Amino acid sequence: MAASEIVHRKAVLSLYKILLRLHRGLPEDLQTLGTCYIKDEFRRHKLVDQQTANTFMVEWTRCALLLTKQLSAKGIKSRSKVGNNLGEDDLEKLREDQAVQLYELMKITSNSNEQENKIK
């Protein structure tokens, strides 16, 4: 294994651990969903080409930075907004499989929000 591969693997593992740690500060339902999503995404991107791997790392690093800013030292205790909305440009850049995955994620979170509102 080349030195650059070792460095890349360490960077991926480090980002993965950071994201999982950050998700501990989220409300339980978001934490569970987010943790499953992260694990699935990292698993599915294990054997991608270099360009896809670079884009993957940049986007997940942005996500980690955003969560770091949004989470206080104690984490989010209420249902305050987490994350950012995707713009039209972002949506247009998605591959078909990514758009389908995003739609499925939206359905899951919408159902979760509806159930929570019924409980209240």
N, C-alpha and C. Protein backbone atom coordinates (compact mmCIF):
# COMPACT_ATOMS: atom_id res chain seq x y z
N MET A 1 0.85 -1.17 0.00
CA MET A 1 0.00 0.00 0.00
C MET A 1 0.90 1.24 0.00
N ALA A 2 0.59 2.17 -0.89
CA ALA A 2 1.39 3.39 -1.02
C ALA A 2 1.14 4.32 0.16
N ALA A 3 2.11 5.18 0.41
CA ALA A 3 2.00 6.13 1.53
C ALA A 3 0.78 7.03 1.37
N SER A 4 0.47 7.45 0.14
CA SER A 4 -0.69 8.32 -0.07
C SER A 4 -1.99 7.60 0.27
N GLU A 5 -2.05 6.29 0.02
CA GLU A 5 -3.23 5.51 0.37
C GLU A 5 -3.40 5.42 1.89
N ILE A 6 -2.29 5.27 2.58
CA ILE A 6 -2.33 5.20 4.05
C ILE A 6 -2.82 6.52 4.62
N VAL A 7 -2.30 7.62 4.09
CA VAL A 7 -2.72 8.95 4.55
C VAL A 7 -4.20 9.15 4.28
N HIS A 8 -4.66 8.75 3.09
CA HIS A 8 -6.07 8.90 2.74
C HIS A 8 -6.95 8.08 3.68
N ARG A 9 -6.57 6.83 3.93
CA ARG A 9 -7.35 5.97 4.82
C ARG A 9 -7.44 6.56 6.23
N LYS A 10 -6.34 7.13 6.71
CA LYS A 10 -6.35 7.75 8.04
C LYS A 10 -7.27 8.97 8.06
N ALA A 11 -7.25 9.76 6.99
CA ALA A 11 -8.11 10.94 6.90
C ALA A 11 -9.58 10.53 6.87
N VAL A 12 -9.90 9.49 6.11
CA VAL A 12 -11.28 9.00 6.03
C VAL A 12 -11.74 8.50 7.39
N LEU A 13 -10.92 7.70 8.04
CA LEU A 13 -11.28 7.16 9.35
C LEU A 13 -11.44 8.27 10.38
N SER A 14 -10.58 9.25 10.34
CA SER A 14 -10.66 10.39 11.26
C SER A 14 -11.96 11.16 11.05
N LEU A 15 -12.31 11.44 9.80
CA LEU A 15 -13.55 12.16 9.50
C LEU A 15 -14.76 11.35 9.94
N TYR A 16 -14.72 10.06 9.69
CA TYR A 16 -15.80 9.16 10.09
C TYR A 16 -16.03 9.22 11.60
N LYS A 17 -14.96 9.14 12.36
CA LYS A 17 -15.06 9.19 13.83
C LYS A 17 -15.57 10.54 14.31
N ILE A 18 -15.10 11.61 13.68
CA ILE A 18 -15.55 12.96 14.05
C ILE A 18 -17.05 13.09 13.82
N LEU A 19 -17.53 12.63 12.67
CA LEU A 19 -18.95 12.72 12.36
C LEU A 19 -19.79 11.92 13.35
N LEU A 20 -19.35 10.72 13.68
CA LEU A 20 -20.10 9.91 14.65
C LEU A 20 -20.12 10.58 16.02
N ARG A 21 -19.00 11.17 16.41
CA ARG A 21 -18.95 11.88 17.69
C ARG A 21 -19.89 13.08 17.70
N LEU A 22 -19.89 13.83 16.61
CA LEU A 22 -20.78 14.99 16.50
C LEU A 22 -22.25 14.58 16.60
N HIS A 23 -22.58 13.46 16.03
CA HIS A 23 -23.97 13.01 16.04
C HIS A 23 -24.45 12.64 17.44
N ARG A 24 -23.54 12.39 18.34
CA ARG A 24 -23.93 12.11 19.73
C ARG A 24 -24.61 13.31 20.38
N GLY A 25 -24.35 14.50 19.85
CA GLY A 25 -24.95 15.71 20.40
C GLY A 25 -26.32 16.03 19.84
N LEU A 26 -26.81 15.22 18.90
CA LEU A 26 -28.11 15.45 18.29
C LEU A 26 -29.22 14.79 19.10
N PRO A 27 -30.47 15.24 18.92
CA PRO A 27 -31.59 14.52 19.53
C PRO A 27 -31.57 13.06 19.08
N GLU A 28 -32.10 12.18 19.91
CA GLU A 28 -31.96 10.74 19.70
C GLU A 28 -32.42 10.28 18.32
N ASP A 29 -33.57 10.78 17.85
CA ASP A 29 -34.07 10.33 16.55
C ASP A 29 -33.15 10.76 15.41
N LEU A 30 -32.65 11.98 15.48
CA LEU A 30 -31.72 12.46 14.45
C LEU A 30 -30.38 11.74 14.55
N GLN A 31 -29.97 11.46 15.77
CA GLN A 31 -28.70 10.76 15.98
C GLN A 31 -28.76 9.37 15.34
N THR A 32 -29.83 8.65 15.59
CA THR A 32 -29.98 7.30 15.04
C THR A 32 -30.00 7.33 13.52
N LEU A 33 -30.81 8.20 12.96
CA LEU A 33 -30.91 8.31 11.51
C LEU A 33 -29.58 8.74 10.90
N GLY A 34 -28.96 9.76 11.48
CA GLY A 34 -27.70 10.27 10.95
C GLY A 34 -26.57 9.27 11.04
N THR A 35 -26.50 8.55 12.14
CA THR A 35 -25.44 7.56 12.31
C THR A 35 -25.58 6.44 11.28
N CYS A 36 -26.80 5.97 11.08
CA CYS A 36 -27.03 4.94 10.05
C CYS A 36 -26.66 5.46 8.67
N TYR A 37 -27.02 6.70 8.40
CA TYR A 37 -26.74 7.30 7.10
C TYR A 37 -25.23 7.43 6.88
N ILE A 38 -24.51 7.90 7.88
CA ILE A 38 -23.05 8.05 7.77
C ILE A 38 -22.40 6.69 7.51
N LYS A 39 -22.78 5.70 8.30
CA LYS A 39 -22.19 4.37 8.14
C LYS A 39 -22.44 3.83 6.74
N ASP A 40 -23.65 4.01 6.24
CA ASP A 40 -24.00 3.53 4.90
C ASP A 40 -23.21 4.28 3.83
N GLU A 41 -23.13 5.59 3.95
CA GLU A 41 -22.41 6.40 2.96
C GLU A 41 -20.92 6.04 2.90
N PHE A 42 -20.30 5.91 4.04
CA PHE A 42 -18.88 5.57 4.06
C PHE A 42 -18.65 4.15 3.52
N ARG A 43 -19.56 3.25 3.84
CA ARG A 43 -19.45 1.88 3.33
C ARG A 43 -19.58 1.87 1.80
N ARG A 44 -20.55 2.62 1.27
CA ARG A 44 -20.79 2.62 -0.18
C ARG A 44 -19.70 3.34 -0.96
N HIS A 45 -18.94 4.19 -0.31
CA HIS A 45 -17.89 4.95 -1.00
C HIS A 45 -16.49 4.39 -0.76
N LYS A 46 -16.41 3.17 -0.28
CA LYS A 46 -15.11 2.57 0.01
C LYS A 46 -14.24 2.38 -1.23
N LEU A 47 -14.84 2.01 -2.33
CA LEU A 47 -14.07 1.65 -3.53
C LEU A 47 -14.40 2.56 -4.72
N VAL A 48 -14.40 3.86 -4.50
CA VAL A 48 -14.70 4.80 -5.58
C VAL A 48 -13.41 5.35 -6.17
N ASP A 49 -13.54 6.00 -7.33
CA ASP A 49 -12.36 6.59 -7.96
C ASP A 49 -11.88 7.80 -7.16
N GLN A 50 -10.69 8.27 -7.46
CA GLN A 50 -10.04 9.35 -6.70
C GLN A 50 -10.86 10.64 -6.70
N GLN A 51 -11.42 11.01 -7.85
CA GLN A 51 -12.20 12.25 -7.94
C GLN A 51 -13.45 12.17 -7.05
N THR A 52 -14.15 11.05 -7.11
CA THR A 52 -15.33 10.86 -6.27
C THR A 52 -14.94 10.86 -4.79
N ALA A 53 -13.83 10.22 -4.46
CA ALA A 53 -13.36 10.19 -3.07
C ALA A 53 -13.03 11.60 -2.57
N ASN A 54 -12.41 12.40 -3.41
CA ASN A 54 -12.08 13.78 -3.02
C ASN A 54 -13.34 14.60 -2.77
N THR A 55 -14.31 14.49 -3.69
CA THR A 55 -15.58 15.21 -3.52
C THR A 55 -16.29 14.75 -2.26
N PHE A 56 -16.30 13.45 -2.03
CA PHE A 56 -16.92 12.85 -0.84
C PHE A 56 -16.31 13.44 0.43
N MET A 57 -14.99 13.48 0.48
CA MET A 57 -14.30 14.00 1.66
C MET A 57 -14.57 15.48 1.88
N VAL A 58 -14.58 16.25 0.80
CA VAL A 58 -14.85 17.69 0.91
C VAL A 58 -16.25 17.93 1.46
N GLU A 59 -17.24 17.24 0.90
CA GLU A 59 -18.62 17.45 1.32
C GLU A 59 -18.87 16.99 2.75
N TRP A 60 -18.31 15.86 3.15
CA TRP A 60 -18.50 15.40 4.52
C TRP A 60 -17.71 16.26 5.51
N THR A 61 -16.61 16.82 5.08
CA THR A 61 -15.87 17.76 5.94
C THR A 61 -16.70 19.02 6.15
N ARG A 62 -17.35 19.50 5.09
CA ARG A 62 -18.25 20.66 5.23
C ARG A 62 -19.38 20.35 6.20
N CYS A 63 -19.92 19.15 6.09
CA CYS A 63 -20.99 18.73 7.00
C CYS A 63 -20.49 18.73 8.45
N ALA A 64 -19.30 18.21 8.67
CA ALA A 64 -18.73 18.17 10.02
C ALA A 64 -18.51 19.58 10.56
N LEU A 65 -18.01 20.47 9.72
CA LEU A 65 -17.80 21.86 10.15
C LEU A 65 -19.11 22.54 10.49
N LEU A 66 -20.14 22.31 9.68
CA LEU A 66 -21.45 22.91 9.93
C LEU A 66 -22.03 22.39 11.25
N LEU A 67 -21.96 21.08 11.46
CA LEU A 67 -22.46 20.51 12.71
C LEU A 67 -21.68 21.03 13.91
N THR A 68 -20.38 21.19 13.76
CA THR A 68 -19.56 21.72 14.84
C THR A 68 -20.04 23.11 15.23
N LYS A 69 -20.35 23.94 14.24
CA LYS A 69 -20.83 25.30 14.52
C LYS A 69 -22.21 25.28 15.14
N GLN A 70 -23.07 24.35 14.69
CA GLN A 70 -24.46 24.35 15.16
C GLN A 70 -24.64 23.69 16.51
N LEU A 71 -23.75 22.81 16.87
CA LEU A 71 -23.88 22.13 18.16
C LEU A 71 -23.11 22.89 19.23
N SER A 72 -23.76 23.14 20.33
CA SER A 72 -23.03 23.75 21.44
C SER A 72 -22.23 22.65 22.12
N ALA A 73 -21.49 23.00 23.14
CA ALA A 73 -20.70 22.00 23.87
C ALA A 73 -21.60 20.90 24.45
N LYS A 74 -22.84 21.27 24.77
CA LYS A 74 -23.76 20.30 25.37
C LYS A 74 -24.65 19.63 24.33
N GLY A 75 -24.55 20.02 23.09
CA GLY A 75 -25.40 19.43 22.05
C GLY A 75 -26.72 20.16 21.95
N ILE A 76 -27.48 19.81 20.96
CA ILE A 76 -28.78 20.43 20.75
C ILE A 76 -29.79 19.69 21.61
N LYS A 77 -30.44 20.42 22.49
CA LYS A 77 -31.40 19.79 23.38
C LYS A 77 -32.83 19.94 22.86
N SER A 78 -33.08 20.94 22.05
CA SER A 78 -34.42 21.16 21.52
C SER A 78 -34.43 20.79 20.04
N ARG A 79 -35.53 21.06 19.38
CA ARG A 79 -35.66 20.76 17.96
C ARG A 79 -35.23 21.94 17.12
N SER A 80 -34.15 22.59 17.49
CA SER A 80 -33.67 23.69 16.66
C SER A 80 -33.14 23.12 15.36
N LYS A 81 -33.05 23.97 14.37
CA LYS A 81 -32.66 23.54 13.03
C LYS A 81 -31.22 23.03 13.02
N VAL A 82 -31.03 21.92 12.34
CA VAL A 82 -29.71 21.34 12.16
C VAL A 82 -29.49 21.17 10.66
N GLY A 83 -28.31 21.54 10.19
CA GLY A 83 -27.99 21.36 8.78
C GLY A 83 -28.37 22.57 7.95
N ASN A 84 -28.32 22.40 6.64
CA ASN A 84 -28.67 23.44 5.67
C ASN A 84 -29.61 22.87 4.64
N ASN A 85 -30.42 23.74 4.06
CA ASN A 85 -31.26 23.33 2.93
C ASN A 85 -30.40 23.25 1.67
N LEU A 86 -30.74 22.34 0.79
CA LEU A 86 -30.04 22.23 -0.49
C LEU A 86 -30.66 23.20 -1.48
N GLY A 87 -29.81 23.89 -2.21
CA GLY A 87 -30.28 24.79 -3.25
C GLY A 87 -30.52 24.04 -4.55
N GLU A 88 -31.14 24.73 -5.51
CA GLU A 88 -31.41 24.10 -6.81
C GLU A 88 -30.13 23.62 -7.48
N ASP A 89 -29.07 24.41 -7.38
CA ASP A 89 -27.79 24.02 -7.98
C ASP A 89 -27.29 22.71 -7.38
N ASP A 90 -27.41 22.59 -6.06
CA ASP A 90 -26.97 21.35 -5.39
C ASP A 90 -27.79 20.16 -5.87
N LEU A 91 -29.10 20.35 -5.97
CA LEU A 91 -29.97 19.25 -6.40
C LEU A 91 -29.69 18.82 -7.83
N GLU A 92 -29.39 19.78 -8.68
CA GLU A 92 -29.10 19.46 -10.09
C GLU A 92 -27.80 18.69 -10.25
N LYS A 93 -26.88 18.83 -9.31
CA LYS A 93 -25.59 18.14 -9.38
C LYS A 93 -25.68 16.68 -8.95
N LEU A 94 -26.78 16.30 -8.31
CA LEU A 94 -26.92 14.93 -7.81
C LEU A 94 -27.08 13.94 -8.95
N ARG A 95 -26.44 12.78 -8.78
CA ARG A 95 -26.67 11.67 -9.71
C ARG A 95 -28.06 11.10 -9.41
N GLU A 96 -28.57 10.29 -10.31
CA GLU A 96 -29.91 9.74 -10.14
C GLU A 96 -30.01 8.92 -8.84
N ASP A 97 -29.01 8.09 -8.56
CA ASP A 97 -29.05 7.28 -7.34
C ASP A 97 -29.00 8.14 -6.09
N GLN A 98 -28.29 9.27 -6.16
CA GLN A 98 -28.23 10.18 -5.01
C GLN A 98 -29.58 10.88 -4.81
N ALA A 99 -30.23 11.25 -5.92
CA ALA A 99 -31.54 11.89 -5.83
C ALA A 99 -32.56 10.94 -5.22
N VAL A 100 -32.52 9.67 -5.62
CA VAL A 100 -33.42 8.67 -5.07
C VAL A 100 -33.15 8.49 -3.57
N GLN A 101 -31.88 8.42 -3.20
CA GLN A 101 -31.52 8.26 -1.79
C GLN A 101 -31.98 9.46 -0.97
N LEU A 102 -31.82 10.66 -1.50
CA LEU A 102 -32.26 11.86 -0.81
C LEU A 102 -33.78 11.86 -0.64
N TYR A 103 -34.49 11.43 -1.68
CA TYR A 103 -35.95 11.35 -1.60
C TYR A 103 -36.38 10.37 -0.52
N GLU A 104 -35.74 9.20 -0.47
CA GLU A 104 -36.05 8.20 0.56
C GLU A 104 -35.78 8.76 1.95
N LEU A 105 -34.69 9.47 2.11
CA LEU A 105 -34.36 10.09 3.39
C LEU A 105 -35.41 11.13 3.77
N MET A 106 -35.87 11.90 2.79
CA MET A 106 -36.91 12.91 3.04
C MET A 106 -38.20 12.23 3.51
N LYS A 107 -38.57 11.11 2.88
CA LYS A 107 -39.78 10.40 3.29
C LYS A 107 -39.67 9.90 4.73
N ILE A 108 -38.50 9.35 5.06
CA ILE A 108 -38.29 8.84 6.42
C ILE A 108 -38.40 9.96 7.44
N THR A 109 -37.74 11.08 7.17
CA THR A 109 -37.77 12.18 8.14
C THR A 109 -39.13 12.83 8.19
N SER A 110 -39.85 12.89 7.08
CA SER A 110 -41.21 13.46 7.08
C SER A 110 -42.14 12.61 7.92
N ASN A 111 -42.05 11.28 7.78
CA ASN A 111 -42.87 10.38 8.59
C ASN A 111 -42.55 10.52 10.07
N SER A 112 -41.28 10.68 10.39
CA SER A 112 -40.85 10.86 11.78
C SER A 112 -41.44 12.14 12.36
N ASN A 113 -41.39 13.23 11.59
CA ASN A 113 -41.93 14.51 12.04
C ASN A 113 -43.44 14.44 12.22
N GLU A 114 -44.15 13.75 11.31
CA GLU A 114 -45.60 13.61 11.43
C GLU A 114 -45.97 12.84 12.69
N GLN A 115 -45.25 11.76 12.97
CA GLN A 115 -45.52 10.97 14.17
C GLN A 115 -45.26 11.78 15.43
N GLU A 116 -44.20 12.58 15.41
CA GLU A 116 -43.87 13.41 16.57
C GLU A 116 -44.96 14.45 16.81
N ASN A 117 -45.49 15.05 15.75
CA ASN A 117 -46.55 16.05 15.87
C ASN A 117 -47.84 15.43 16.40
N LYS A 118 -48.13 14.17 16.05
CA LYS A 118 -49.32 13.49 16.56
C LYS A 118 -49.21 13.25 18.06
N ILE A 119 -48.00 12.98 18.54
CA ILE A 119 -47.78 12.73 19.96
C ILE A 119 -48.02 13.99 20.77
N LYS A 120 -47.62 15.13 20.22
CA LYS A 120 -47.79 16.41 20.92
C LYS A 120 -49.24 16.74 20.94
